[in-house]
Amino acid sequence: MFKFLFGNKAAAPEVKRETQRETIQRAQGEINEILATLSPKPRITIYPEEGSFIIDLPEQMPDEAKALPAPDKSADAPAGDSKPQAQAEA
């Protein structure tokens, strides 16, 4: 009844902290899983001096190709302005 006053006396579960090695191995595994499914394969550039790498992804990813196209900017024009921008400027 008075748990909100005195707090919950149940022991908090112990959370195992991930070591740096485990973090790197997990991240590498996740990246490899994702890269294995891509077609075409992205270009990976490694910079050993900096200890970094860059993944050059294609302009459009396979799952983005299935998405609906972006709406036209002319659709955002006010309702009274029915002329396209090119005709309005001419």
C-alpha atoms as a PDB file:
ATOM      1  CA  MET A   1       0.000   0.000   0.000  1.00  0.00           C
ATOM      2  CA  PHE A   2       2.822   2.435   0.828  1.00  0.00           C
ATOM      3  CA  LYS A   3       5.263   1.288  -1.849  1.00  0.00           C
ATOM      4  CA  PHE A   4       5.181   4.713  -3.447  1.00  0.00           C
ATOM      5  CA  LEU A   5       6.414   6.266  -0.181  1.00  0.00           C
ATOM      6  CA  PHE A   6       9.115   3.811   0.806  1.00  0.00           C
ATOM      7  CA  GLY A   7      10.092   2.586  -2.646  1.00  0.00           C
ATOM      8  CA  ASN A   8      10.029  -0.892  -4.051  1.00  0.00           C
ATOM      9  CA  LYS A   9      12.306  -3.147  -1.983  1.00  0.00           C
ATOM     10  CA  ALA A  10      12.631  -5.720  -4.776  1.00  0.00           C
ATOM     11  CA  ALA A  11      16.214  -6.177  -5.921  1.00  0.00           C
ATOM     12  CA  ALA A  12      16.979  -4.394  -9.175  1.00  0.00           C
ATOM     13  CA  PRO A  13      18.064  -6.753 -11.953  1.00  0.00           C
ATOM     14  CA  GLU A  14      21.781  -6.698 -12.674  1.00  0.00           C
ATOM     15  CA  VAL A  15      22.570  -5.336 -16.122  1.00  0.00           C
ATOM     16  CA  LYS A  16      25.625  -6.853 -17.780  1.00  0.00           C
ATOM     17  CA  ARG A  17      27.744  -4.152 -19.367  1.00  0.00           C
ATOM     18  CA  GLU A  18      29.059  -4.879 -22.829  1.00  0.00           C
ATOM     19  CA  THR A  19      32.840  -4.751 -23.219  1.00  0.00           C
ATOM     20  CA  GLN A  20      34.422  -2.780 -26.054  1.00  0.00           C
ATOM     21  CA  ARG A  21      35.343  -6.023 -27.803  1.00  0.00           C
ATOM     22  CA  GLU A  22      31.752  -7.298 -27.574  1.00  0.00           C
ATOM     23  CA  THR A  23      30.417  -3.953 -28.865  1.00  0.00           C
ATOM     24  CA  ILE A  24      32.732  -3.995 -31.884  1.00  0.00           C
ATOM     25  CA  GLN A  25      31.991  -7.650 -32.675  1.00  0.00           C
ATOM     26  CA  ARG A  26      28.230  -7.046 -32.422  1.00  0.00           C
ATOM     27  CA  ALA A  27      28.385  -3.928 -34.615  1.00  0.00           C
ATOM     28  CA  GLN A  28      30.587  -5.663 -37.198  1.00  0.00           C
ATOM     29  CA  GLY A  29      28.172  -8.587 -37.341  1.00  0.00           C
ATOM     30  CA  GLU A  30      25.194  -6.259 -37.831  1.00  0.00           C
ATOM     31  CA  ILE A  31      26.968  -4.316 -40.605  1.00  0.00           C
ATOM     32  CA  ASN A  32      27.999  -7.539 -42.361  1.00  0.00           C
ATOM     33  CA  GLU A  33      24.431  -8.873 -42.238  1.00  0.00           C
ATOM     34  CA  ILE A  34      23.083  -5.693 -43.820  1.00  0.00           C
ATOM     35  CA  LEU A  35      25.817  -5.415 -46.464  1.00  0.00           C
ATOM     36  CA  ALA A  36      25.335  -9.057 -47.495  1.00  0.00           C
ATOM     37  CA  THR A  37      21.729  -8.325 -48.510  1.00  0.00           C
ATOM     38  CA  LEU A  38      22.514  -5.242 -50.624  1.00  0.00           C
ATOM     39  CA  SER A  39      22.731  -5.333 -54.375  1.00  0.00           C
ATOM     40  CA  PRO A  40      24.710  -3.576 -55.767  1.00  0.00           C
ATOM     41  CA  LYS A  41      27.337  -3.821 -53.065  1.00  0.00           C
ATOM     42  CA  PRO A  42      28.483  -0.483 -51.623  1.00  0.00           C
ATOM     43  CA  ARG A  43      32.099   0.667 -51.831  1.00  0.00           C
ATOM     44  CA  ILE A  44      33.898   0.562 -48.476  1.00  0.00           C
ATOM     45  CA  THR A  45      36.921   2.814 -47.924  1.00  0.00           C
ATOM     46  CA  ILE A  46      39.157   2.104 -44.918  1.00  0.00           C
ATOM     47  CA  TYR A  47      41.379   4.743 -43.332  1.00  0.00           C
ATOM     48  CA  PRO A  48      43.847   2.824 -41.118  1.00  0.00           C
ATOM     49  CA  GLU A  49      45.629   5.983 -39.911  1.00  0.00           C
ATOM     50  CA  GLU A  50      42.382   7.337 -38.478  1.00  0.00           C
ATOM     51  CA  GLY A  51      40.907   3.986 -37.532  1.00  0.00           C
ATOM     52  CA  SER A  52      37.733   4.709 -39.486  1.00  0.00           C
ATOM     53  CA  PHE A  53      35.886   3.622 -42.613  1.00  0.00           C
ATOM     54  CA  ILE A  54      33.269   5.046 -44.952  1.00  0.00           C
ATOM     55  CA  ILE A  55      30.519   3.096 -46.686  1.00  0.00           C
ATOM     56  CA  ASP A  56      29.501   4.715 -49.999  1.00  0.00           C
ATOM     57  CA  LEU A  57      25.866   3.733 -50.407  1.00  0.00           C
ATOM     58  CA  PRO A  58      24.011   3.951 -53.723  1.00  0.00           C
ATOM     59  CA  GLU A  59      21.821   6.997 -54.302  1.00  0.00           C
ATOM     60  CA  GLN A  60      18.686   4.911 -53.837  1.00  0.00           C
ATOM     61  CA  MET A  61      18.493   1.867 -51.577  1.00  0.00           C
ATOM     62  CA  PRO A  62      16.339  -1.138 -52.592  1.00  0.00           C
ATOM     63  CA  ASP A  63      13.755  -0.518 -49.869  1.00  0.00           C
ATOM     64  CA  GLU A  64      13.527   3.160 -50.831  1.00  0.00           C
ATOM     65  CA  ALA A  65      12.661   2.179 -54.404  1.00  0.00           C
ATOM     66  CA  LYS A  66       9.453   0.614 -53.100  1.00  0.00           C
ATOM     67  CA  ALA A  67       8.420   3.781 -51.268  1.00  0.00           C
ATOM     68  CA  LEU A  68       6.055   6.309 -52.768  1.00  0.00           C
ATOM     69  CA  PRO A  69       7.695   9.197 -54.624  1.00  0.00           C
ATOM     70  CA  ALA A  70       8.016  12.568 -52.931  1.00  0.00           C
ATOM     71  CA  PRO A  71       5.059  14.881 -53.548  1.00  0.00           C
ATOM     72  CA  ASP A  72       5.476  17.591 -56.181  1.00  0.00           C
ATOM     73  CA  LYS A  73       6.444  21.021 -54.931  1.00  0.00           C
ATOM     74  CA  SER A  74       3.646  22.505 -57.063  1.00  0.00           C
ATOM     75  CA  ALA A  75       1.144  20.632 -54.878  1.00  0.00           C
ATOM     76  CA  ASP A  76       2.240  22.861 -51.995  1.00  0.00           C
ATOM     77  CA  ALA A  77       1.324  26.054 -53.918  1.00  0.00           C
ATOM     78  CA  PRO A  78      -1.631  28.115 -52.642  1.00  0.00           C
ATOM     79  CA  ALA A  79      -5.050  27.044 -53.927  1.00  0.00           C
ATOM     80  CA  GLY A  80      -5.621  30.316 -55.862  1.00  0.00           C
ATOM     81  CA  ASP A  81      -2.379  29.962 -57.833  1.00  0.00           C
ATOM     82  CA  SER A  82      -3.119  27.274 -60.426  1.00  0.00           C
ATOM     83  CA  LYS A  83      -0.306  28.295 -62.846  1.00  0.00           C
ATOM     84  CA  PRO A  84       2.906  26.256 -62.732  1.00  0.00           C
ATOM     85  CA  GLN A  85       6.014  28.107 -61.572  1.00  0.00           C
ATOM     86  CA  ALA A  86       7.634  28.152 -65.051  1.00  0.00           C
ATOM     87  CA  GLN A  87       4.639  29.965 -66.602  1.00  0.00           C
ATOM     88  CA  ALA A  88       4.303  32.358 -63.675  1.00  0.00           C
ATOM     89  CA  GLU A  89       7.905  33.555 -64.084  1.00  0.00           C
ATOM     90  CA  ALA A  90       7.673  34.007 -67.904  1.00  0.00           C
END
